Amino acid sequence: MEYPADPPVYTLNGYMFVIIGLYDWNEVVGGSDVTKSALQDSLSSFRKIIGFYDLGSLSSYDLSFMTLPYKKSGELRVPHYSP
């Protein structure tokens, strides 16, 4: 996770940076079994979860709309950022 939250919100860009870091780690150590496995496992997980971030006409920053309590009410909150 990019930052701790309870419950976890699974920030998309944080996970993508982890994959880039694992790729770099794999390249630096010359493709050890450990680094290859970590990279492949992360890519496999990414392929499975990426669809959850697709909200149709936009993508979600995180999965808080699925993990936070207001999800139970069926309300979808789209975050907005202040300049």
C-alpha atoms as a PDB file:
ATOM      1  CA  MET A   1       0.000   0.000   0.000  1.00  0.00           C
ATOM      2  CA  GLU A   2       1.131   3.522  -0.736  1.00  0.00           C
ATOM      3  CA  TYR A   3       0.062   4.677   2.725  1.00  0.00           C
ATOM      4  CA  PRO A   4      -1.559   2.986   5.725  1.00  0.00           C
ATOM      5  CA  ALA A   5      -5.310   3.197   6.117  1.00  0.00           C
ATOM      6  CA  ASP A   6      -7.820   1.226   8.132  1.00  0.00           C
ATOM      7  CA  PRO A   7      -9.544  -0.274   6.299  1.00  0.00           C
ATOM      8  CA  PRO A   8      -7.047  -0.363   3.408  1.00  0.00           C
ATOM      9  CA  VAL A   9      -7.953   1.681   0.331  1.00  0.00           C
ATOM     10  CA  TYR A  10      -5.492   0.178  -2.204  1.00  0.00           C
ATOM     11  CA  THR A  11      -4.260   3.265  -4.047  1.00  0.00           C
ATOM     12  CA  LEU A  12      -3.685   2.438  -7.721  1.00  0.00           C
ATOM     13  CA  ASN A  13      -0.617   4.555  -8.426  1.00  0.00           C
ATOM     14  CA  GLY A  14       1.054   3.250  -5.267  1.00  0.00           C
ATOM     15  CA  TYR A  15       0.691  -0.321  -6.493  1.00  0.00           C
ATOM     16  CA  MET A  16       1.969   0.619  -9.930  1.00  0.00           C
ATOM     17  CA  PHE A  17       5.088   2.179  -8.373  1.00  0.00           C
ATOM     18  CA  VAL A  18       5.666  -1.054  -6.446  1.00  0.00           C
ATOM     19  CA  ILE A  19       5.644  -2.988  -9.724  1.00  0.00           C
ATOM     20  CA  ILE A  20       8.150  -0.551 -11.235  1.00  0.00           C
ATOM     21  CA  GLY A  21      10.340  -0.948  -8.143  1.00  0.00           C
ATOM     22  CA  LEU A  22      10.185  -4.736  -8.391  1.00  0.00           C
ATOM     23  CA  TYR A  23      11.115  -4.532 -12.064  1.00  0.00           C
ATOM     24  CA  ASP A  24      14.116  -2.333 -11.208  1.00  0.00           C
ATOM     25  CA  TRP A  25      15.127  -4.660  -8.368  1.00  0.00           C
ATOM     26  CA  ASN A  26      14.938  -7.631 -10.717  1.00  0.00           C
ATOM     27  CA  GLU A  27      17.152  -5.835 -13.254  1.00  0.00           C
ATOM     28  CA  VAL A  28      19.744  -4.792 -10.656  1.00  0.00           C
ATOM     29  CA  VAL A  29      20.204  -8.288  -9.206  1.00  0.00           C
ATOM     30  CA  GLY A  30      20.224  -9.972 -12.582  1.00  0.00           C
ATOM     31  CA  GLY A  31      16.874 -11.725 -12.434  1.00  0.00           C
ATOM     32  CA  SER A  32      17.130 -13.969  -9.376  1.00  0.00           C
ATOM     33  CA  ASP A  33      14.371 -16.491  -8.692  1.00  0.00           C
ATOM     34  CA  VAL A  34      13.163 -14.390  -5.764  1.00  0.00           C
ATOM     35  CA  THR A  35      12.895 -11.134  -7.713  1.00  0.00           C
ATOM     36  CA  LYS A  36      11.362 -12.784 -10.776  1.00  0.00           C
ATOM     37  CA  SER A  37       8.758 -14.467  -8.593  1.00  0.00           C
ATOM     38  CA  ALA A  38       7.909 -11.235  -6.741  1.00  0.00           C
ATOM     39  CA  LEU A  39       7.573  -9.339 -10.019  1.00  0.00           C
ATOM     40  CA  GLN A  40       5.447 -12.030 -11.680  1.00  0.00           C
ATOM     41  CA  ASP A  41       3.190 -12.351  -8.612  1.00  0.00           C
ATOM     42  CA  SER A  42       2.683  -8.582  -8.539  1.00  0.00           C
ATOM     43  CA  LEU A  43       1.871  -8.438 -12.252  1.00  0.00           C
ATOM     44  CA  SER A  44      -0.552 -11.340 -11.873  1.00  0.00           C
ATOM     45  CA  SER A  45      -2.329  -9.550  -9.007  1.00  0.00           C
ATOM     46  CA  PHE A  46      -2.404  -6.312 -11.006  1.00  0.00           C
ATOM     47  CA  ARG A  47      -4.119  -8.052 -13.920  1.00  0.00           C
ATOM     48  CA  LYS A  48      -6.758  -9.401 -11.532  1.00  0.00           C
ATOM     49  CA  ILE A  49      -7.511  -6.133  -9.727  1.00  0.00           C
ATOM     50  CA  ILE A  50      -7.180  -3.467 -12.424  1.00  0.00           C
ATOM     51  CA  GLY A  51     -10.810  -3.869 -13.493  1.00  0.00           C
ATOM     52  CA  PHE A  52     -12.024  -2.781 -10.056  1.00  0.00           C
ATOM     53  CA  TYR A  53     -10.586   0.707 -10.702  1.00  0.00           C
ATOM     54  CA  ASP A  54     -12.593   1.118 -13.914  1.00  0.00           C
ATOM     55  CA  LEU A  55     -15.651   3.265 -13.201  1.00  0.00           C
ATOM     56  CA  GLY A  56     -16.773   3.480 -16.813  1.00  0.00           C
ATOM     57  CA  SER A  57     -15.947   6.972 -17.968  1.00  0.00           C
ATOM     58  CA  LEU A  58     -13.151   7.463 -15.415  1.00  0.00           C
ATOM     59  CA  SER A  59     -10.830   5.475 -13.211  1.00  0.00           C
ATOM     60  CA  SER A  60     -10.784   5.405  -9.445  1.00  0.00           C
ATOM     61  CA  TYR A  61      -7.755   6.673  -7.525  1.00  0.00           C
ATOM     62  CA  ASP A  62      -8.228   3.891  -5.000  1.00  0.00           C
ATOM     63  CA  LEU A  63     -10.734   1.269  -3.897  1.00  0.00           C
ATOM     64  CA  SER A  64     -12.112   3.194  -0.927  1.00  0.00           C
ATOM     65  CA  PHE A  65     -15.534   3.066  -2.570  1.00  0.00           C
ATOM     66  CA  MET A  66     -15.393  -0.692  -1.928  1.00  0.00           C
ATOM     67  CA  THR A  67     -13.596  -0.802   1.430  1.00  0.00           C
ATOM     68  CA  LEU A  68     -14.945   2.124   3.471  1.00  0.00           C
ATOM     69  CA  PRO A  69     -18.163   1.875   5.493  1.00  0.00           C
ATOM     70  CA  TYR A  70     -20.218   4.209   3.274  1.00  0.00           C
ATOM     71  CA  LYS A  71     -19.926   1.572   0.507  1.00  0.00           C
ATOM     72  CA  LYS A  72     -22.530  -0.433   2.353  1.00  0.00           C
ATOM     73  CA  SER A  73     -25.032   2.338   1.686  1.00  0.00           C
ATOM     74  CA  GLY A  74     -24.510   1.949  -2.060  1.00  0.00           C
ATOM     75  CA  GLU A  75     -23.221   5.507  -2.353  1.00  0.00           C
ATOM     76  CA  LEU A  76     -20.340   6.076  -4.769  1.00  0.00           C
ATOM     77  CA  ARG A  77     -18.167   9.002  -3.812  1.00  0.00           C
ATOM     78  CA  VAL A  78     -15.836  10.380  -6.416  1.00  0.00           C
ATOM     79  CA  PRO A  79     -13.013  12.292  -4.757  1.00  0.00           C
ATOM     80  CA  HIS A  80     -12.121  15.787  -5.891  1.00  0.00           C
ATOM     81  CA  TYR A  81      -8.977  17.691  -5.158  1.00  0.00           C
ATOM     82  CA  SER A  82      -8.568  21.300  -4.088  1.00  0.00           C
ATOM     83  CA  PRO A  83      -6.073  23.412  -6.007  1.00  0.00           C
END
